[in-house]
Amino acid sequence: MFMRNLAAFAAVLACSAAAAQSGPNLGEPISEDDLTPWDISIETNGDGLPPGSGTVAQGQTIYEAQCLTCHGVEGSDGMNDRLVGGHGTLEEFSQVRTVGSFWPYASTVFDYIRRAMPFNTPQSLSDDQVYAVTAYLLHLNGILEADASLDARALRRVEMPNADGFIVAYPQIESD
């Protein structure tokens, strides 16, 4: 038994040594064409927002078709993360972290929806649809009026309730 374990250990060491010398050998370097669809980051100040627009009403229609199954009616009672409510709970033991109570930037809401939603088909929504769903969620959280429309300019102006609730870990250092 000891010899069998020793032989297995020696084989693992030999494979590890070979892998360490040749690198992780994970595949081919990514091409620019393959990277472009994923290079869609949006800064907290809105830099990188694409052209397009959407209304709260359009967002409701898209939400009901694409989001309701996971997040429930009006974003508050689905099987996945709650998106609406939670105002005033961040200092409680049982926090309710939602778009309206926790997220500090509207641009981050847009970025997340654009990049990761719907869960079963990420990046399948057009930019206009993402603006619309973002508008609808901001409306449900009392941040936008029912007749609101979002585009890059309007999204940059949205003030989130928890905008001052985060500490910047690496602040910009002003140079002379």
C-alpha atoms as a PDB file:
ATOM      1  CA  MET A   1       0.000   0.000   0.000  1.00  0.00           C
ATOM      2  CA  PHE A   2       2.776   2.391   0.922  1.00  0.00           C
ATOM      3  CA  MET A   3       4.609   1.711  -2.356  1.00  0.00           C
ATOM      4  CA  ARG A   4       1.466   2.289  -4.405  1.00  0.00           C
ATOM      5  CA  ASN A   5       0.860   5.646  -2.672  1.00  0.00           C
ATOM      6  CA  LEU A   6       4.508   6.579  -3.131  1.00  0.00           C
ATOM      7  CA  ALA A   7       4.328   5.748  -6.851  1.00  0.00           C
ATOM      8  CA  ALA A   8       1.171   7.851  -7.246  1.00  0.00           C
ATOM      9  CA  PHE A   9       2.805  10.735  -5.399  1.00  0.00           C
ATOM     10  CA  ALA A  10       5.902  10.503  -7.630  1.00  0.00           C
ATOM     11  CA  ALA A  11       3.695  10.564 -10.748  1.00  0.00           C
ATOM     12  CA  VAL A  12       1.883  13.687  -9.524  1.00  0.00           C
ATOM     13  CA  LEU A  13       5.226  15.380  -8.818  1.00  0.00           C
ATOM     14  CA  ALA A  14       6.529  14.510 -12.283  1.00  0.00           C
ATOM     15  CA  CYS A  15       3.396  15.912 -13.955  1.00  0.00           C
ATOM     16  CA  SER A  16       3.549  19.047 -11.816  1.00  0.00           C
ATOM     17  CA  ALA A  17       7.195  19.623 -12.691  1.00  0.00           C
ATOM     18  CA  ALA A  18       6.505  19.189 -16.406  1.00  0.00           C
ATOM     19  CA  ALA A  19       3.532  21.568 -16.252  1.00  0.00           C
ATOM     20  CA  ALA A  20       5.552  24.176 -14.355  1.00  0.00           C
ATOM     21  CA  GLN A  21       8.263  24.137 -17.031  1.00  0.00           C
ATOM     22  CA  SER A  22       5.896  24.426 -19.985  1.00  0.00           C
ATOM     23  CA  GLY A  23       3.393  26.883 -18.475  1.00  0.00           C
ATOM     24  CA  PRO A  24      -0.286  26.388 -17.821  1.00  0.00           C
ATOM     25  CA  ASN A  25      -0.932  25.383 -21.431  1.00  0.00           C
ATOM     26  CA  LEU A  26      -4.484  26.733 -21.305  1.00  0.00           C
ATOM     27  CA  GLY A  27      -4.956  27.369 -24.994  1.00  0.00           C
ATOM     28  CA  GLU A  28      -4.479  29.942 -27.689  1.00  0.00           C
ATOM     29  CA  PRO A  29      -4.065  33.676 -27.060  1.00  0.00           C
ATOM     30  CA  ILE A  30      -7.354  35.482 -27.654  1.00  0.00           C
ATOM     31  CA  SER A  31      -7.699  37.379 -30.916  1.00  0.00           C
ATOM     32  CA  GLU A  32      -8.948  40.978 -31.163  1.00  0.00           C
ATOM     33  CA  ASP A  33     -12.083  39.728 -32.957  1.00  0.00           C
ATOM     34  CA  ASP A  34     -12.850  37.308 -30.111  1.00  0.00           C
ATOM     35  CA  LEU A  35     -12.161  39.937 -27.439  1.00  0.00           C
ATOM     36  CA  THR A  36     -14.233  42.767 -28.937  1.00  0.00           C
ATOM     37  CA  PRO A  37     -17.683  41.423 -27.883  1.00  0.00           C
ATOM     38  CA  TRP A  38     -16.457  41.214 -24.268  1.00  0.00           C
ATOM     39  CA  ASP A  39     -14.664  44.580 -24.208  1.00  0.00           C
ATOM     40  CA  ILE A  40     -17.818  46.441 -23.180  1.00  0.00           C
ATOM     41  CA  SER A  41     -16.947  47.866 -19.777  1.00  0.00           C
ATOM     42  CA  ILE A  42     -18.653  51.043 -18.681  1.00  0.00           C
ATOM     43  CA  GLU A  43     -17.052  53.332 -16.126  1.00  0.00           C
ATOM     44  CA  THR A  44     -18.966  54.565 -13.094  1.00  0.00           C
ATOM     45  CA  ASN A  45     -19.067  58.079 -14.630  1.00  0.00           C
ATOM     46  CA  GLY A  46     -20.763  56.663 -17.740  1.00  0.00           C
ATOM     47  CA  ASP A  47     -17.724  56.574 -20.028  1.00  0.00           C
ATOM     48  CA  GLY A  48     -18.248  53.730 -22.479  1.00  0.00           C
ATOM     49  CA  LEU A  49     -22.044  53.939 -22.601  1.00  0.00           C
ATOM     50  CA  PRO A  50     -23.216  53.030 -26.111  1.00  0.00           C
ATOM     51  CA  PRO A  51     -25.649  54.945 -28.314  1.00  0.00           C
ATOM     52  CA  GLY A  52     -29.290  54.063 -27.853  1.00  0.00           C
ATOM     53  CA  SER A  53     -32.275  54.832 -25.668  1.00  0.00           C
ATOM     54  CA  GLY A  54     -35.246  53.259 -23.980  1.00  0.00           C
ATOM     55  CA  THR A  55     -38.315  54.230 -21.959  1.00  0.00           C
ATOM     56  CA  VAL A  56     -39.799  52.932 -18.736  1.00  0.00           C
ATOM     57  CA  ALA A  57     -42.818  51.582 -20.666  1.00  0.00           C
ATOM     58  CA  GLN A  58     -40.591  49.727 -23.146  1.00  0.00           C
ATOM     59  CA  GLY A  59     -38.576  48.383 -20.219  1.00  0.00           C
ATOM     60  CA  GLN A  60     -41.671  46.996 -18.532  1.00  0.00           C
ATOM     61  CA  THR A  61     -42.553  45.019 -21.664  1.00  0.00           C
ATOM     62  CA  ILE A  62     -39.011  43.634 -21.969  1.00  0.00           C
ATOM     63  CA  TYR A  63     -38.833  42.902 -18.226  1.00  0.00           C
ATOM     64  CA  GLU A  64     -42.082  40.928 -18.347  1.00  0.00           C
ATOM     65  CA  ALA A  65     -40.773  38.863 -21.284  1.00  0.00           C
ATOM     66  CA  GLN A  66     -37.152  38.386 -20.182  1.00  0.00           C
ATOM     67  CA  CYS A  67     -36.775  38.992 -16.429  1.00  0.00           C
ATOM     68  CA  LEU A  68     -40.029  38.199 -14.628  1.00  0.00           C
ATOM     69  CA  THR A  69     -39.384  34.453 -14.425  1.00  0.00           C
ATOM     70  CA  CYS A  70     -36.281  34.936 -12.262  1.00  0.00           C
ATOM     71  CA  HIS A  71     -36.965  38.249 -10.504  1.00  0.00           C
ATOM     72  CA  GLY A  72     -40.729  38.178 -10.086  1.00  0.00           C
ATOM     73  CA  VAL A  73     -43.426  40.738 -10.638  1.00  0.00           C
ATOM     74  CA  GLU A  74     -41.914  44.220 -10.361  1.00  0.00           C
ATOM     75  CA  GLY A  75     -38.576  42.781  -9.213  1.00  0.00           C
ATOM     76  CA  SER A  76     -39.501  41.961  -5.654  1.00  0.00           C
ATOM     77  CA  ASP A  77     -40.649  38.364  -5.335  1.00  0.00           C
ATOM     78  CA  GLY A  78     -38.726  36.134  -7.714  1.00  0.00           C
ATOM     79  CA  MET A  79     -36.564  33.105  -7.094  1.00  0.00           C
ATOM     80  CA  ASN A  80     -33.393  35.117  -7.810  1.00  0.00           C
ATOM     81  CA  ASP A  81     -32.066  38.382  -6.407  1.00  0.00           C
ATOM     82  CA  ARG A  82     -34.593  40.963  -5.391  1.00  0.00           C
ATOM     83  CA  LEU A  83     -34.201  44.126  -7.497  1.00  0.00           C
ATOM     84  CA  VAL A  84     -36.643  46.509  -5.834  1.00  0.00           C
ATOM     85  CA  GLY A  85     -37.125  47.837  -2.309  1.00  0.00           C
ATOM     86  CA  GLY A  86     -34.809  47.587   0.650  1.00  0.00           C
ATOM     87  CA  HIS A  87     -34.618  51.342   1.220  1.00  0.00           C
ATOM     88  CA  GLY A  88     -33.282  52.102   4.686  1.00  0.00           C
ATOM     89  CA  THR A  89     -32.138  48.529   5.425  1.00  0.00           C
ATOM     90  CA  LEU A  90     -28.390  48.837   4.818  1.00  0.00           C
ATOM     91  CA  GLU A  91     -27.659  49.595   8.476  1.00  0.00           C
ATOM     92  CA  GLU A  92     -29.775  46.674   9.666  1.00  0.00           C
ATOM     93  CA  PHE A  93     -28.531  43.125  10.297  1.00  0.00           C
ATOM     94  CA  SER A  94     -30.837  41.777   7.573  1.00  0.00           C
ATOM     95  CA  GLN A  95     -29.937  44.123   4.731  1.00  0.00           C
ATOM     96  CA  VAL A  96     -31.967  44.068   1.527  1.00  0.00           C
ATOM     97  CA  ARG A  97     -29.498  44.952  -1.218  1.00  0.00           C
ATOM     98  CA  THR A  98     -31.343  46.005  -4.345  1.00  0.00           C
ATOM     99  CA  VAL A  99     -30.804  48.310  -7.309  1.00  0.00           C
ATOM    100  CA  GLY A 100     -32.476  51.112  -5.365  1.00  0.00           C
ATOM    101  CA  SER A 101     -31.039  50.525  -1.920  1.00  0.00           C
ATOM    102  CA  PHE A 102     -27.481  49.363  -2.548  1.00  0.00           C
ATOM    103  CA  TRP A 103     -26.124  50.080  -6.043  1.00  0.00           C
ATOM    104  CA  PRO A 104     -24.241  53.395  -6.088  1.00  0.00           C
ATOM    105  CA  TYR A 105     -24.145  54.039  -9.862  1.00  0.00           C
ATOM    106  CA  ALA A 106     -26.844  53.748 -12.522  1.00  0.00           C
ATOM    107  CA  SER A 107     -24.113  53.045 -15.084  1.00  0.00           C
ATOM    108  CA  THR A 108     -23.232  49.881 -13.170  1.00  0.00           C
ATOM    109  CA  VAL A 109     -26.827  48.687 -13.373  1.00  0.00           C
ATOM    110  CA  PHE A 110     -26.740  49.209 -17.149  1.00  0.00           C
ATOM    111  CA  ASP A 111     -23.348  47.482 -17.432  1.00  0.00           C
ATOM    112  CA  TYR A 112     -24.463  44.449 -15.439  1.00  0.00           C
ATOM    113  CA  ILE A 113     -27.698  43.973 -17.385  1.00  0.00           C
ATOM    114  CA  ARG A 114     -25.891  44.422 -20.696  1.00  0.00           C
ATOM    115  CA  ARG A 115     -23.112  41.988 -19.803  1.00  0.00           C
ATOM    116  CA  ALA A 116     -24.886  39.271 -17.821  1.00  0.00           C
ATOM    117  CA  MET A 117     -28.641  39.280 -18.410  1.00  0.00           C
ATOM    118  CA  PRO A 118     -30.856  37.476 -19.131  1.00  0.00           C
ATOM    119  CA  PHE A 119     -29.129  34.712 -17.219  1.00  0.00           C
ATOM    120  CA  ASN A 120     -29.785  32.022 -19.827  1.00  0.00           C
ATOM    121  CA  THR A 121     -28.753  34.235 -22.789  1.00  0.00           C
ATOM    122  CA  PRO A 122     -26.307  36.920 -21.614  1.00  0.00           C
ATOM    123  CA  GLN A 123     -25.538  39.771 -24.000  1.00  0.00           C
ATOM    124  CA  SER A 124     -28.633  38.980 -26.062  1.00  0.00           C
ATOM    125  CA  LEU A 125     -30.393  42.293 -25.360  1.00  0.00           C
ATOM    126  CA  SER A 126     -29.812  45.229 -27.686  1.00  0.00           C
ATOM    127  CA  ASP A 127     -28.446  48.444 -26.205  1.00  0.00           C
ATOM    128  CA  ASP A 128     -31.903  50.034 -26.601  1.00  0.00           C
ATOM    129  CA  GLN A 129     -33.435  47.135 -24.646  1.00  0.00           C
ATOM    130  CA  VAL A 130     -30.817  47.493 -21.885  1.00  0.00           C
ATOM    131  CA  TYR A 131     -31.548  51.227 -21.584  1.00  0.00           C
ATOM    132  CA  ALA A 132     -35.265  50.390 -21.368  1.00  0.00           C
ATOM    133  CA  VAL A 133     -34.895  47.672 -18.706  1.00  0.00           C
ATOM    134  CA  THR A 134     -32.555  49.926 -16.716  1.00  0.00           C
ATOM    135  CA  ALA A 135     -35.143  52.724 -16.909  1.00  0.00           C
ATOM    136  CA  TYR A 136     -37.877  50.360 -15.727  1.00  0.00           C
ATOM    137  CA  LEU A 137     -35.835  49.111 -12.757  1.00  0.00           C
ATOM    138  CA  LEU A 138     -34.899  52.652 -11.769  1.00  0.00           C
ATOM    139  CA  HIS A 139     -38.587  53.581 -11.988  1.00  0.00           C
ATOM    140  CA  LEU A 140     -39.641  50.641  -9.813  1.00  0.00           C
ATOM    141  CA  ASN A 141     -37.136  51.861  -7.227  1.00  0.00           C
ATOM    142  CA  GLY A 142     -38.590  55.391  -7.257  1.00  0.00           C
ATOM    143  CA  ILE A 143     -35.570  56.912  -9.006  1.00  0.00           C
ATOM    144  CA  LEU A 144     -37.197  57.725 -12.381  1.00  0.00           C
ATOM    145  CA  GLU A 145     -40.687  58.902 -13.255  1.00  0.00           C
ATOM    146  CA  ALA A 146     -43.062  56.624 -15.220  1.00  0.00           C
ATOM    147  CA  ASP A 147     -42.651  58.711 -18.389  1.00  0.00           C
ATOM    148  CA  ALA A 148     -38.834  58.759 -18.259  1.00  0.00           C
ATOM    149  CA  SER A 149     -36.509  57.867 -21.083  1.00  0.00           C
ATOM    150  CA  LEU A 150     -32.852  56.881 -20.721  1.00  0.00           C
ATOM    151  CA  ASP A 151     -29.923  57.347 -23.043  1.00  0.00           C
ATOM    152  CA  ALA A 152     -26.219  57.816 -22.277  1.00  0.00           C
ATOM    153  CA  ARG A 153     -26.652  61.465 -21.332  1.00  0.00           C
ATOM    154  CA  ALA A 154     -29.681  60.912 -19.097  1.00  0.00           C
ATOM    155  CA  LEU A 155     -28.125  57.848 -17.434  1.00  0.00           C
ATOM    156  CA  ARG A 156     -25.044  59.877 -16.452  1.00  0.00           C
ATOM    157  CA  ARG A 157     -27.327  62.337 -14.607  1.00  0.00           C
ATOM    158  CA  VAL A 158     -29.134  59.711 -12.507  1.00  0.00           C
ATOM    159  CA  GLU A 159     -28.409  60.088  -8.786  1.00  0.00           C
ATOM    160  CA  MET A 160     -28.628  56.776  -6.982  1.00  0.00           C
ATOM    161  CA  PRO A 161     -29.829  56.757  -3.342  1.00  0.00           C
ATOM    162  CA  ASN A 162     -26.652  54.986  -2.153  1.00  0.00           C
ATOM    163  CA  ALA A 163     -24.189  57.034  -4.225  1.00  0.00           C
ATOM    164  CA  ASP A 164     -22.335  58.108  -1.068  1.00  0.00           C
ATOM    165  CA  GLY A 165     -22.480  54.685   0.579  1.00  0.00           C
ATOM    166  CA  PHE A 166     -19.121  53.428  -0.692  1.00  0.00           C
ATOM    167  CA  ILE A 167     -15.539  54.354   0.094  1.00  0.00           C
ATOM    168  CA  VAL A 168     -13.184  54.708  -2.848  1.00  0.00           C
ATOM    169  CA  ALA A 169     -10.449  52.136  -2.217  1.00  0.00           C
ATOM    170  CA  TYR A 170      -7.921  53.649  -4.603  1.00  0.00           C
ATOM    171  CA  PRO A 171      -8.608  57.356  -4.992  1.00  0.00           C
ATOM    172  CA  GLN A 172      -7.014  59.262  -7.844  1.00  0.00           C
ATOM    173  CA  ILE A 173      -3.907  61.103  -6.694  1.00  0.00           C
ATOM    174  CA  GLU A 174      -3.735  64.606  -8.077  1.00  0.00           C
ATOM    175  CA  SER A 175      -0.350  65.452  -9.550  1.00  0.00           C
ATOM    176  CA  ASP A 176       1.132  68.937  -9.675  1.00  0.00           C
END
